Amino acid sequence: MDAKLFGEVFVTLLVITDPPGMMPIFLALTGPMSARDRNRAAWQAVALALGVIVVFAVAGQTLLDYLHVDLPALQAAGGLLLVLVALELLTGKADDPSQQSTSNIALVPLGTPLLAGPGAIVATMLFVQQAEGASDVSAIAAAIVAVMITVWIVLRFSGGIVKVLRPGGIEVLTRIAGLLLAAIAVQLIADAIAAFVTQYADLA
C-alpha cells in the first residue's frame, strides 16, 4: 500500500468533511435526542457517507454520464438541500421533538450532503481515476475508511458537550449552526453556478 497516497487522500477528505466544523451542526440537529438516539444517528450518518463515497468512487462517473448530470448540478442540488435544513434550524422547526427522526437526520443532511458532499465525492473520484494498480486502490480505500472512523469518533463523543451547554446553549448553538449551514449552502450554489458559467464559456 502506498503510504504517501494514503496520507494525501486521508488529509484531503479529512479537511473536506471537517469533523470539528460538523460538531456544532450535529449537536444542533441531535440536541433534543437521547444519548442512545444521538449515537445511533452518528453511526448511521457515517455509514451512509461511507456507502455514498464508495459507490461514487467505483461507478460515479459512469452513473453521472448515464443520468446526463454534470458535477456542478450535483453540487447545486447539495446546496439546495442544505438551504432547507438551514431554514429549519434558523426558524426553530428543528427543535420540535415531534418533528425529529433519527434516521432522517442521519441520512439528510448529516450523511449527505454534509459528510458525503460534492467535495468529498469529486475528490474521491479524482483519486480513483489517477490510481495505478491495486496498491493505489487499497491506499485510497484505507484512507476513506480511516477518515470515516475519525468522523465517527468525533461525533460519537460530542454528546458530552450537550450536558455542558444545557437547553439554552443548544438553542443558541442551533441558530449559529443554521447560519453556518446557510453560508455553506450559498457557497456550494455559487461554486456550481461559476462552474456552469466556465463550462459553457469554454464550449462557446
N, C-alpha and C. Protein backbone atom coordinates (compact mmCIF):
# COMPACT_ATOMS: atom_id res chain seq x y z
N MET A 1 0.85 -1.20 0.00
CA MET A 1 0.00 0.00 0.00
C MET A 1 0.88 1.25 0.00
N ASP A 2 0.52 2.22 -0.83
CA ASP A 2 1.28 3.46 -0.96
C ASP A 2 0.97 4.39 0.22
N ALA A 3 1.92 4.54 1.14
CA ALA A 3 1.70 5.35 2.35
C ALA A 3 1.51 6.83 2.00
N LYS A 4 2.25 7.30 0.99
CA LYS A 4 2.14 8.71 0.60
C LYS A 4 0.75 9.01 0.07
N LEU A 5 0.23 8.13 -0.80
CA LEU A 5 -1.11 8.31 -1.35
C LEU A 5 -2.16 8.23 -0.24
N PHE A 6 -1.95 7.29 0.69
CA PHE A 6 -2.87 7.17 1.83
C PHE A 6 -2.95 8.50 2.58
N GLY A 7 -1.77 9.09 2.84
CA GLY A 7 -1.73 10.36 3.56
C GLY A 7 -2.42 11.47 2.80
N GLU A 8 -2.21 11.52 1.48
CA GLU A 8 -2.83 12.56 0.65
C GLU A 8 -4.35 12.46 0.68
N VAL A 9 -4.85 11.22 0.50
CA VAL A 9 -6.30 11.02 0.48
C VAL A 9 -6.90 11.29 1.86
N PHE A 10 -6.21 10.81 2.90
CA PHE A 10 -6.71 10.99 4.27
C PHE A 10 -6.82 12.47 4.63
N VAL A 11 -5.77 13.22 4.38
CA VAL A 11 -5.76 14.65 4.72
C VAL A 11 -6.80 15.41 3.89
N THR A 12 -6.87 15.10 2.60
CA THR A 12 -7.81 15.79 1.72
C THR A 12 -9.25 15.59 2.19
N LEU A 13 -9.63 14.32 2.41
CA LEU A 13 -11.01 14.04 2.81
C LEU A 13 -11.30 14.53 4.22
N LEU A 14 -10.29 14.50 5.09
CA LEU A 14 -10.50 14.98 6.46
C LEU A 14 -10.77 16.49 6.46
N VAL A 15 -10.05 17.21 5.62
CA VAL A 15 -10.27 18.67 5.52
C VAL A 15 -11.65 18.94 4.94
N ILE A 16 -12.05 18.16 3.93
CA ILE A 16 -13.35 18.38 3.29
C ILE A 16 -14.50 18.06 4.24
N THR A 17 -14.43 16.91 4.93
CA THR A 17 -15.52 16.53 5.84
C THR A 17 -15.52 17.40 7.10
N ASP A 18 -14.35 17.91 7.50
CA ASP A 18 -14.23 18.87 8.59
C ASP A 18 -14.98 18.43 9.86
N PRO A 19 -14.52 17.37 10.55
CA PRO A 19 -15.21 16.89 11.76
C PRO A 19 -15.44 17.96 12.83
N PRO A 20 -14.45 18.83 13.14
CA PRO A 20 -14.72 19.88 14.14
C PRO A 20 -15.84 20.82 13.71
N GLY A 21 -15.88 21.15 12.41
CA GLY A 21 -16.93 22.02 11.90
C GLY A 21 -18.29 21.33 11.87
N MET A 22 -18.27 20.01 11.73
CA MET A 22 -19.51 19.24 11.72
C MET A 22 -20.14 19.17 13.10
N MET A 23 -19.31 19.28 14.14
CA MET A 23 -19.80 19.04 15.50
C MET A 23 -20.96 19.97 15.91
N PRO A 24 -20.85 21.31 15.70
CA PRO A 24 -21.98 22.15 16.10
C PRO A 24 -23.26 21.85 15.34
N ILE A 25 -23.13 21.51 14.05
CA ILE A 25 -24.32 21.17 13.26
C ILE A 25 -24.92 19.87 13.76
N PHE A 26 -24.07 18.88 14.05
CA PHE A 26 -24.53 17.60 14.57
C PHE A 26 -25.25 17.79 15.90
N LEU A 27 -24.66 18.59 16.79
CA LEU A 27 -25.26 18.82 18.10
C LEU A 27 -26.57 19.60 17.98
N ALA A 28 -26.63 20.54 17.03
CA ALA A 28 -27.86 21.31 16.84
C ALA A 28 -28.99 20.42 16.37
N LEU A 29 -28.67 19.48 15.47
CA LEU A 29 -29.71 18.60 14.91
C LEU A 29 -30.11 17.50 15.88
N THR A 30 -29.19 17.08 16.72
CA THR A 30 -29.47 15.93 17.61
C THR A 30 -29.63 16.34 19.07
N GLY A 31 -29.57 17.65 19.36
CA GLY A 31 -29.66 18.13 20.74
C GLY A 31 -30.84 17.59 21.53
N PRO A 32 -32.07 17.60 20.95
CA PRO A 32 -33.25 17.11 21.69
C PRO A 32 -33.28 15.59 21.86
N MET A 33 -32.40 14.87 21.19
CA MET A 33 -32.43 13.41 21.23
C MET A 33 -31.82 12.86 22.51
N SER A 34 -32.15 11.61 22.79
CA SER A 34 -31.50 10.91 23.89
C SER A 34 -30.08 10.53 23.45
N ALA A 35 -29.23 10.19 24.41
CA ALA A 35 -27.85 9.83 24.09
C ALA A 35 -27.81 8.64 23.15
N ARG A 36 -28.72 7.68 23.36
CA ARG A 36 -28.75 6.49 22.52
C ARG A 36 -29.09 6.85 21.07
N ASP A 37 -30.11 7.69 20.88
CA ASP A 37 -30.51 8.10 19.53
C ASP A 37 -29.42 8.93 18.86
N ARG A 38 -28.74 9.76 19.66
CA ARG A 38 -27.66 10.58 19.11
C ARG A 38 -26.52 9.70 18.60
N ASN A 39 -26.17 8.70 19.39
CA ASN A 39 -25.10 7.78 18.98
C ASN A 39 -25.49 7.01 17.73
N ARG A 40 -26.78 6.62 17.68
CA ARG A 40 -27.25 5.89 16.50
C ARG A 40 -27.20 6.78 15.26
N ALA A 41 -27.57 8.04 15.43
CA ALA A 41 -27.52 8.98 14.31
C ALA A 41 -26.09 9.15 13.81
N ALA A 42 -25.13 9.14 14.73
CA ALA A 42 -23.72 9.31 14.35
C ALA A 42 -23.26 8.16 13.46
N TRP A 43 -23.51 6.92 13.89
CA TRP A 43 -23.00 5.81 13.07
C TRP A 43 -23.80 5.64 11.79
N GLN A 44 -25.11 5.97 11.80
CA GLN A 44 -25.90 5.89 10.58
C GLN A 44 -25.40 6.90 9.55
N ALA A 45 -25.10 8.12 10.01
CA ALA A 45 -24.61 9.15 9.11
C ALA A 45 -23.27 8.75 8.49
N VAL A 46 -22.37 8.24 9.33
CA VAL A 46 -21.05 7.83 8.84
C VAL A 46 -21.17 6.64 7.90
N ALA A 47 -22.04 5.68 8.23
CA ALA A 47 -22.23 4.50 7.37
C ALA A 47 -22.77 4.91 6.01
N LEU A 48 -23.74 5.83 6.00
CA LEU A 48 -24.29 6.29 4.72
C LEU A 48 -23.23 7.04 3.92
N ALA A 49 -22.49 7.93 4.60
CA ALA A 49 -21.46 8.70 3.90
C ALA A 49 -20.42 7.76 3.28
N LEU A 50 -20.02 6.74 4.03
CA LEU A 50 -19.06 5.77 3.51
C LEU A 50 -19.62 5.06 2.29
N GLY A 51 -20.88 4.65 2.37
CA GLY A 51 -21.51 3.95 1.25
C GLY A 51 -21.60 4.82 0.01
N VAL A 52 -22.00 6.08 0.19
CA VAL A 52 -22.13 7.01 -0.95
C VAL A 52 -20.78 7.26 -1.60
N ILE A 53 -19.75 7.50 -0.78
CA ILE A 53 -18.41 7.78 -1.31
C ILE A 53 -17.87 6.57 -2.06
N VAL A 54 -18.08 5.37 -1.51
CA VAL A 54 -17.60 4.15 -2.17
C VAL A 54 -18.31 3.95 -3.50
N VAL A 55 -19.63 4.16 -3.54
CA VAL A 55 -20.39 3.99 -4.78
C VAL A 55 -19.88 4.95 -5.85
N PHE A 56 -19.66 6.21 -5.48
CA PHE A 56 -19.18 7.19 -6.47
C PHE A 56 -17.73 6.93 -6.84
N ALA A 57 -16.95 6.37 -5.91
CA ALA A 57 -15.56 6.04 -6.23
C ALA A 57 -15.51 4.94 -7.28
N VAL A 58 -16.42 3.98 -7.16
CA VAL A 58 -16.41 2.83 -8.06
C VAL A 58 -17.10 3.14 -9.38
N ALA A 59 -18.26 3.80 -9.31
CA ALA A 59 -19.06 3.97 -10.53
C ALA A 59 -19.60 5.38 -10.69
N GLY A 60 -18.97 6.36 -10.03
CA GLY A 60 -19.51 7.72 -10.04
C GLY A 60 -19.60 8.34 -11.41
N GLN A 61 -18.51 8.32 -12.17
CA GLN A 61 -18.51 8.95 -13.47
C GLN A 61 -19.48 8.27 -14.42
N THR A 62 -19.52 6.94 -14.35
CA THR A 62 -20.46 6.18 -15.20
C THR A 62 -21.90 6.54 -14.87
N LEU A 63 -22.20 6.64 -13.58
CA LEU A 63 -23.56 6.96 -13.13
C LEU A 63 -23.97 8.36 -13.57
N LEU A 64 -23.07 9.33 -13.39
CA LEU A 64 -23.39 10.70 -13.80
C LEU A 64 -23.55 10.82 -15.31
N ASP A 65 -22.69 10.11 -16.06
CA ASP A 65 -22.80 10.13 -17.52
C ASP A 65 -24.12 9.52 -17.98
N TYR A 66 -24.52 8.42 -17.33
CA TYR A 66 -25.77 7.74 -17.70
C TYR A 66 -26.97 8.65 -17.46
N LEU A 67 -26.93 9.40 -16.35
CA LEU A 67 -28.05 10.28 -16.00
C LEU A 67 -27.93 11.65 -16.67
N HIS A 68 -26.82 11.87 -17.40
CA HIS A 68 -26.56 13.17 -18.05
C HIS A 68 -26.53 14.30 -17.02
N VAL A 69 -25.86 14.04 -15.92
CA VAL A 69 -25.75 15.02 -14.83
C VAL A 69 -24.30 15.47 -14.72
N ASP A 70 -24.10 16.78 -14.72
CA ASP A 70 -22.75 17.33 -14.52
C ASP A 70 -22.47 17.47 -13.03
N LEU A 71 -21.19 17.48 -12.67
CA LEU A 71 -20.82 17.63 -11.26
C LEU A 71 -21.34 18.93 -10.65
N PRO A 72 -21.32 20.06 -11.38
CA PRO A 72 -21.88 21.28 -10.80
C PRO A 72 -23.36 21.15 -10.43
N ALA A 73 -24.11 20.36 -11.20
CA ALA A 73 -25.52 20.15 -10.89
C ALA A 73 -25.68 19.40 -9.56
N LEU A 74 -24.79 18.43 -9.35
CA LEU A 74 -24.79 17.68 -8.09
C LEU A 74 -24.45 18.62 -6.93
N GLN A 75 -23.53 19.52 -7.17
CA GLN A 75 -23.11 20.49 -6.16
C GLN A 75 -24.27 21.44 -5.81
N ALA A 76 -24.97 21.92 -6.84
CA ALA A 76 -26.08 22.84 -6.62
C ALA A 76 -27.22 22.15 -5.87
N ALA A 77 -27.47 20.87 -6.20
CA ALA A 77 -28.51 20.12 -5.50
C ALA A 77 -28.18 19.98 -4.02
N GLY A 78 -26.91 19.71 -3.72
CA GLY A 78 -26.48 19.63 -2.33
C GLY A 78 -26.69 20.94 -1.60
N GLY A 79 -26.40 22.05 -2.29
CA GLY A 79 -26.60 23.37 -1.70
C GLY A 79 -28.05 23.65 -1.39
N LEU A 80 -28.95 23.26 -2.29
CA LEU A 80 -30.39 23.47 -2.07
C LEU A 80 -30.89 22.66 -0.88
N LEU A 81 -30.40 21.43 -0.76
CA LEU A 81 -30.77 20.60 0.39
C LEU A 81 -30.36 21.26 1.70
N LEU A 82 -29.15 21.81 1.72
CA LEU A 82 -28.64 22.46 2.93
C LEU A 82 -29.42 23.73 3.25
N VAL A 83 -29.90 24.44 2.22
CA VAL A 83 -30.71 25.63 2.45
C VAL A 83 -31.96 25.27 3.24
N LEU A 84 -32.62 24.19 2.85
CA LEU A 84 -33.85 23.76 3.53
C LEU A 84 -33.58 23.43 4.99
N VAL A 85 -32.47 22.72 5.24
CA VAL A 85 -32.13 22.36 6.63
C VAL A 85 -31.76 23.60 7.43
N ALA A 86 -31.02 24.52 6.81
CA ALA A 86 -30.62 25.75 7.49
C ALA A 86 -31.84 26.57 7.90
N LEU A 87 -32.84 26.63 7.03
CA LEU A 87 -34.06 27.38 7.35
C LEU A 87 -34.78 26.76 8.55
N GLU A 88 -34.78 25.42 8.62
CA GLU A 88 -35.41 24.76 9.76
C GLU A 88 -34.68 25.10 11.06
N LEU A 89 -33.36 25.13 11.02
CA LEU A 89 -32.58 25.46 12.20
C LEU A 89 -32.79 26.91 12.62
N LEU A 90 -32.82 27.80 11.65
CA LEU A 90 -32.95 29.23 11.95
C LEU A 90 -34.35 29.60 12.45
N THR A 91 -35.37 28.90 11.96
CA THR A 91 -36.74 29.21 12.37
C THR A 91 -37.20 28.41 13.59
N GLY A 92 -36.37 27.46 14.02
CA GLY A 92 -36.70 26.70 15.22
C GLY A 92 -37.51 25.45 14.98
N LYS A 93 -37.82 25.13 13.73
CA LYS A 93 -38.62 23.94 13.45
C LYS A 93 -37.87 22.67 13.80
N ALA A 94 -36.55 22.72 13.75
CA ALA A 94 -35.75 21.53 14.06
C ALA A 94 -35.74 21.24 15.56
N ASP A 95 -36.22 22.20 16.38
CA ASP A 95 -36.22 22.00 17.83
C ASP A 95 -37.41 21.17 18.30
N ASP A 96 -38.40 20.99 17.44
CA ASP A 96 -39.62 20.27 17.83
C ASP A 96 -39.35 18.77 17.87
N PRO A 97 -39.39 18.13 19.05
CA PRO A 97 -39.10 16.70 19.14
C PRO A 97 -40.03 15.85 18.29
N SER A 98 -41.28 16.32 18.10
CA SER A 98 -42.24 15.54 17.31
C SER A 98 -41.85 15.49 15.84
N GLN A 99 -41.01 16.47 15.43
CA GLN A 99 -40.58 16.51 14.03
C GLN A 99 -39.26 15.76 13.81
N GLN A 100 -38.66 15.29 14.92
CA GLN A 100 -37.34 14.68 14.82
C GLN A 100 -37.44 13.21 14.42
N SER A 101 -36.57 12.80 13.56
CA SER A 101 -36.45 11.40 13.19
C SER A 101 -34.97 11.07 13.09
N THR A 102 -34.52 10.14 13.92
CA THR A 102 -33.09 9.83 13.96
C THR A 102 -32.58 9.44 12.58
N SER A 103 -33.32 8.56 11.89
CA SER A 103 -32.87 8.09 10.58
C SER A 103 -32.83 9.22 9.57
N ASN A 104 -33.88 10.08 9.55
CA ASN A 104 -33.93 11.17 8.57
C ASN A 104 -32.76 12.13 8.78
N ILE A 105 -32.49 12.50 10.02
CA ILE A 105 -31.41 13.42 10.31
C ILE A 105 -30.07 12.80 9.94
N ALA A 106 -29.92 11.52 10.24
CA ALA A 106 -28.67 10.84 9.93
C ALA A 106 -28.44 10.77 8.42
N LEU A 107 -29.51 10.56 7.67
CA LEU A 107 -29.37 10.44 6.22
C LEU A 107 -29.19 11.81 5.57
N VAL A 108 -30.11 12.74 5.88
CA VAL A 108 -30.06 14.09 5.33
C VAL A 108 -30.28 15.07 6.47
N PRO A 109 -29.39 15.98 6.75
CA PRO A 109 -28.23 16.36 5.92
C PRO A 109 -26.90 15.79 6.40
N LEU A 110 -26.88 15.01 7.49
CA LEU A 110 -25.59 14.57 8.05
C LEU A 110 -24.82 13.66 7.10
N GLY A 111 -25.45 12.52 6.73
CA GLY A 111 -24.76 11.58 5.86
C GLY A 111 -24.43 12.19 4.52
N THR A 112 -25.44 12.80 3.93
CA THR A 112 -25.28 13.52 2.67
C THR A 112 -26.24 14.70 2.68
N PRO A 113 -25.84 15.90 2.32
CA PRO A 113 -24.60 16.23 1.62
C PRO A 113 -23.47 16.76 2.51
N LEU A 114 -23.60 16.70 3.85
CA LEU A 114 -22.55 17.27 4.69
C LEU A 114 -21.28 16.42 4.69
N LEU A 115 -21.40 15.13 5.01
CA LEU A 115 -20.22 14.26 5.02
C LEU A 115 -19.86 13.80 3.61
N ALA A 116 -20.82 13.18 2.95
CA ALA A 116 -20.59 12.72 1.57
C ALA A 116 -21.16 13.77 0.62
N GLY A 117 -20.53 14.93 0.61
CA GLY A 117 -20.98 16.02 -0.25
C GLY A 117 -20.24 16.06 -1.57
N PRO A 118 -20.54 17.04 -2.40
CA PRO A 118 -19.88 17.16 -3.71
C PRO A 118 -18.35 17.18 -3.60
N GLY A 119 -17.84 17.87 -2.59
CA GLY A 119 -16.38 17.97 -2.44
C GLY A 119 -15.74 16.62 -2.21
N ALA A 120 -16.28 15.85 -1.26
CA ALA A 120 -15.74 14.53 -0.95
C ALA A 120 -15.90 13.58 -2.14
N ILE A 121 -17.05 13.66 -2.81
CA ILE A 121 -17.33 12.78 -3.94
C ILE A 121 -16.36 13.06 -5.10
N VAL A 122 -16.21 14.34 -5.43
CA VAL A 122 -15.34 14.71 -6.55
C VAL A 122 -13.88 14.34 -6.25
N ALA A 123 -13.44 14.64 -5.02
CA ALA A 123 -12.06 14.34 -4.64
C ALA A 123 -11.79 12.84 -4.74
N THR A 124 -12.72 12.03 -4.24
CA THR A 124 -12.55 10.57 -4.29
C THR A 124 -12.52 10.07 -5.73
N MET A 125 -13.42 10.59 -6.57
CA MET A 125 -13.46 10.17 -7.97
C MET A 125 -12.14 10.50 -8.67
N LEU A 126 -11.57 11.68 -8.37
CA LEU A 126 -10.30 12.07 -9.00
C LEU A 126 -9.16 11.17 -8.55
N PHE A 127 -9.12 10.85 -7.25
CA PHE A 127 -8.07 9.96 -6.74
C PHE A 127 -8.16 8.58 -7.41
N VAL A 128 -9.38 8.07 -7.55
CA VAL A 128 -9.57 6.74 -8.15
C VAL A 128 -9.16 6.75 -9.62
N GLN A 129 -9.51 7.83 -10.33
CA GLN A 129 -9.15 7.93 -11.75
C GLN A 129 -7.64 7.98 -11.95
N GLN A 130 -6.92 8.53 -10.97
CA GLN A 130 -5.47 8.65 -11.08
C GLN A 130 -4.73 7.42 -10.52
N ALA A 131 -5.49 6.49 -9.91
CA ALA A 131 -4.87 5.32 -9.29
C ALA A 131 -4.21 4.43 -10.34
N GLU A 132 -3.06 3.87 -9.96
CA GLU A 132 -2.33 2.97 -10.87
C GLU A 132 -2.10 1.64 -10.16
N GLY A 133 -3.01 0.72 -10.33
CA GLY A 133 -2.84 -0.61 -9.76
C GLY A 133 -3.54 -0.80 -8.42
N ALA A 134 -3.49 -2.05 -7.96
CA ALA A 134 -4.19 -2.45 -6.73
C ALA A 134 -3.64 -1.75 -5.50
N SER A 135 -2.34 -1.45 -5.49
CA SER A 135 -1.71 -0.80 -4.35
C SER A 135 -2.32 0.57 -4.09
N ASP A 136 -2.50 1.34 -5.16
CA ASP A 136 -3.09 2.68 -5.03
C ASP A 136 -4.55 2.59 -4.60
N VAL A 137 -5.27 1.65 -5.17
CA VAL A 137 -6.69 1.49 -4.83
C VAL A 137 -6.85 1.12 -3.36
N SER A 138 -6.01 0.23 -2.87
CA SER A 138 -6.08 -0.18 -1.47
C SER A 138 -5.73 0.98 -0.54
N ALA A 139 -4.78 1.84 -0.94
CA ALA A 139 -4.42 3.01 -0.14
C ALA A 139 -5.59 3.99 -0.06
N ILE A 140 -6.27 4.19 -1.20
CA ILE A 140 -7.42 5.09 -1.23
C ILE A 140 -8.55 4.54 -0.35
N ALA A 141 -8.81 3.23 -0.48
CA ALA A 141 -9.88 2.61 0.32
C ALA A 141 -9.58 2.71 1.81
N ALA A 142 -8.32 2.44 2.20
CA ALA A 142 -7.95 2.50 3.61
C ALA A 142 -8.08 3.93 4.15
N ALA A 143 -7.72 4.92 3.33
CA ALA A 143 -7.81 6.32 3.75
C ALA A 143 -9.27 6.74 3.95
N ILE A 144 -10.14 6.29 3.05
CA ILE A 144 -11.57 6.63 3.18
C ILE A 144 -12.14 6.06 4.46
N VAL A 145 -11.82 4.79 4.75
CA VAL A 145 -12.30 4.15 5.97
C VAL A 145 -11.75 4.87 7.21
N ALA A 146 -10.46 5.23 7.16
CA ALA A 146 -9.83 5.92 8.30
C ALA A 146 -10.49 7.27 8.57
N VAL A 147 -10.82 7.99 7.51
CA VAL A 147 -11.49 9.29 7.67
C VAL A 147 -12.87 9.11 8.30
N MET A 148 -13.62 8.11 7.82
CA MET A 148 -14.95 7.88 8.36
C MET A 148 -14.91 7.46 9.83
N ILE A 149 -13.90 6.68 10.20
CA ILE A 149 -13.73 6.29 11.61
C ILE A 149 -13.43 7.52 12.46
N THR A 150 -12.58 8.41 11.94
CA THR A 150 -12.24 9.65 12.66
C THR A 150 -13.49 10.51 12.86
N VAL A 151 -14.28 10.65 11.81
CA VAL A 151 -15.52 11.43 11.90
C VAL A 151 -16.46 10.83 12.94
N TRP A 152 -16.60 9.50 12.91
CA TRP A 152 -17.49 8.82 13.86
C TRP A 152 -17.04 9.06 15.30
N ILE A 153 -15.74 8.98 15.53
CA ILE A 153 -15.22 9.20 16.90
C ILE A 153 -15.57 10.61 17.38
N VAL A 154 -15.39 11.60 16.50
CA VAL A 154 -15.69 12.99 16.87
C VAL A 154 -17.17 13.15 17.19
N LEU A 155 -18.04 12.62 16.33
CA LEU A 155 -19.49 12.75 16.55
C LEU A 155 -19.94 11.93 17.75
N ARG A 156 -19.37 10.75 17.90
CA ARG A 156 -19.78 9.84 18.98
C ARG A 156 -19.53 10.45 20.35
N PHE A 157 -18.43 11.14 20.50
CA PHE A 157 -18.07 11.68 21.81
C PHE A 157 -18.40 13.16 21.96
N SER A 158 -19.15 13.70 21.00
CA SER A 158 -19.57 15.10 21.12
C SER A 158 -20.76 15.25 22.06
N GLY A 159 -21.37 14.12 22.43
CA GLY A 159 -22.53 14.16 23.32
C GLY A 159 -22.25 14.80 24.66
N GLY A 160 -21.01 14.69 25.13
CA GLY A 160 -20.65 15.29 26.42
C GLY A 160 -20.83 16.80 26.41
N ILE A 161 -20.70 17.41 25.23
CA ILE A 161 -20.85 18.85 25.12
C ILE A 161 -22.29 19.26 25.39
N VAL A 162 -23.24 18.39 25.04
CA VAL A 162 -24.66 18.68 25.25
C VAL A 162 -24.94 18.90 26.74
N LYS A 163 -24.32 18.07 27.58
CA LYS A 163 -24.53 18.18 29.03
C LYS A 163 -24.02 19.51 29.56
N VAL A 164 -22.96 20.01 28.95
CA VAL A 164 -22.38 21.28 29.40
C VAL A 164 -23.22 22.47 28.92
N LEU A 165 -23.70 22.40 27.68
CA LEU A 165 -24.42 23.52 27.08
C LEU A 165 -25.82 23.71 27.67
N ARG A 166 -26.49 22.58 28.01
CA ARG A 166 -27.87 22.62 28.51
C ARG A 166 -28.80 23.16 27.42
N PRO A 167 -30.14 23.13 27.64
CA PRO A 167 -31.09 23.52 26.58
C PRO A 167 -30.87 24.92 26.02
N GLY A 168 -30.57 25.90 26.89
CA GLY A 168 -30.37 27.27 26.41
C GLY A 168 -29.18 27.36 25.47
N GLY A 169 -28.09 26.70 25.82
CA GLY A 169 -26.90 26.71 24.98
C GLY A 169 -27.13 26.00 23.67
N ILE A 170 -27.89 24.91 23.71
CA ILE A 170 -28.20 24.18 22.48
C ILE A 170 -29.02 25.04 21.52
N GLU A 171 -29.95 25.83 22.09
CA GLU A 171 -30.77 26.70 21.23
C GLU A 171 -29.91 27.73 20.52
N VAL A 172 -28.97 28.35 21.27
CA VAL A 172 -28.06 29.33 20.66
C VAL A 172 -27.20 28.65 19.60
N LEU A 173 -26.68 27.46 19.93
CA LEU A 173 -25.84 26.72 19.00
C LEU A 173 -26.62 26.36 17.74
N THR A 174 -27.91 26.05 17.90
CA THR A 174 -28.74 25.69 16.75
C THR A 174 -28.85 26.86 15.77
N ARG A 175 -29.06 28.06 16.31
CA ARG A 175 -29.17 29.23 15.43
C ARG A 175 -27.84 29.51 14.72
N ILE A 176 -26.74 29.39 15.47
CA ILE A 176 -25.42 29.61 14.87
C ILE A 176 -25.15 28.58 13.78
N ALA A 177 -25.49 27.30 14.09
CA ALA A 177 -25.29 26.24 13.10
C ALA A 177 -26.14 26.48 11.86
N GLY A 178 -27.35 26.99 12.05
CA GLY A 178 -28.22 27.30 10.91
C GLY A 178 -27.60 28.36 10.02
N LEU A 179 -27.01 29.38 10.65
CA LEU A 179 -26.36 30.44 9.89
C LEU A 179 -25.15 29.91 9.12
N LEU A 180 -24.33 29.08 9.80
CA LEU A 180 -23.16 28.49 9.14
C LEU A 180 -23.59 27.58 7.98
N LEU A 181 -24.64 26.81 8.22
CA LEU A 181 -25.13 25.89 7.19
C LEU A 181 -25.66 26.65 5.99
N ALA A 182 -26.34 27.78 6.24
CA ALA A 182 -26.84 28.61 5.15
C ALA A 182 -25.68 29.16 4.33
N ALA A 183 -24.61 29.57 5.02
CA ALA A 183 -23.43 30.09 4.32
C ALA A 183 -22.78 29.01 3.45
N ILE A 184 -22.69 27.78 4.01
CA ILE A 184 -22.12 26.66 3.25
C ILE A 184 -22.97 26.39 2.01
N ALA A 185 -24.30 26.44 2.19
CA ALA A 185 -25.22 26.17 1.08
C ALA A 185 -25.07 27.21 -0.03
N VAL A 186 -25.00 28.48 0.35
CA VAL A 186 -24.84 29.56 -0.63
C VAL A 186 -23.52 29.40 -1.38
N GLN A 187 -22.46 29.03 -0.65
CA GLN A 187 -21.15 28.84 -1.29
C GLN A 187 -21.19 27.69 -2.30
N LEU A 188 -21.86 26.59 -1.92
CA LEU A 188 -21.99 25.46 -2.84
C LEU A 188 -22.72 25.86 -4.12
N ILE A 189 -23.82 26.60 -3.97
CA ILE A 189 -24.60 27.02 -5.13
C ILE A 189 -23.80 28.00 -5.98
N ALA A 190 -23.09 28.94 -5.32
CA ALA A 190 -22.28 29.91 -6.05
C ALA A 190 -21.17 29.23 -6.84
N ASP A 191 -20.52 28.23 -6.21
CA ASP A 191 -19.46 27.49 -6.89
C ASP A 191 -20.02 26.72 -8.08
N ALA A 192 -21.22 26.17 -7.92
CA ALA A 192 -21.86 25.42 -9.01
C ALA A 192 -22.17 26.34 -10.18
N ILE A 193 -22.69 27.53 -9.87
CA ILE A 193 -23.01 28.50 -10.93
C ILE A 193 -21.73 28.92 -11.66
N ALA A 194 -20.67 29.18 -10.89
CA ALA A 194 -19.39 29.58 -11.50
C ALA A 194 -18.86 28.46 -12.40
N ALA A 195 -19.01 27.21 -11.94
CA ALA A 195 -18.54 26.06 -12.75
C ALA A 195 -19.34 25.95 -14.04
N PHE A 196 -20.66 26.17 -13.95
CA PHE A 196 -21.51 26.12 -15.14
C PHE A 196 -21.11 27.21 -16.14
N VAL A 197 -20.89 28.43 -15.62
CA VAL A 197 -20.51 29.56 -16.48
C VAL A 197 -19.19 29.26 -17.19
N THR A 198 -18.22 28.75 -16.42
CA THR A 198 -16.91 28.43 -17.00
C THR A 198 -17.03 27.32 -18.04
N GLN A 199 -17.84 26.31 -17.72
CA GLN A 199 -18.02 25.17 -18.63
C GLN A 199 -18.62 25.60 -19.96
N TYR A 200 -19.68 26.42 -19.90
CA TYR A 200 -20.33 26.82 -21.13
C TYR A 200 -19.54 27.90 -21.88
N ALA A 201 -18.75 28.67 -21.14
CA ALA A 201 -17.87 29.65 -21.79
C ALA A 201 -16.80 28.94 -22.60
N ASP A 202 -16.29 27.83 -22.05
CA ASP A 202 -15.28 27.06 -22.77
C ASP A 202 -15.88 26.42 -24.04
N LEU A 203 -17.14 25.97 -23.92
CA LEU A 203 -17.79 25.35 -25.08
C LEU A 203 -18.04 26.36 -26.19
N ALA A 204 -18.33 27.60 -25.76
CA ALA A 204 -18.59 28.66 -26.74
C ALA A 204 -17.30 29.08 -27.45
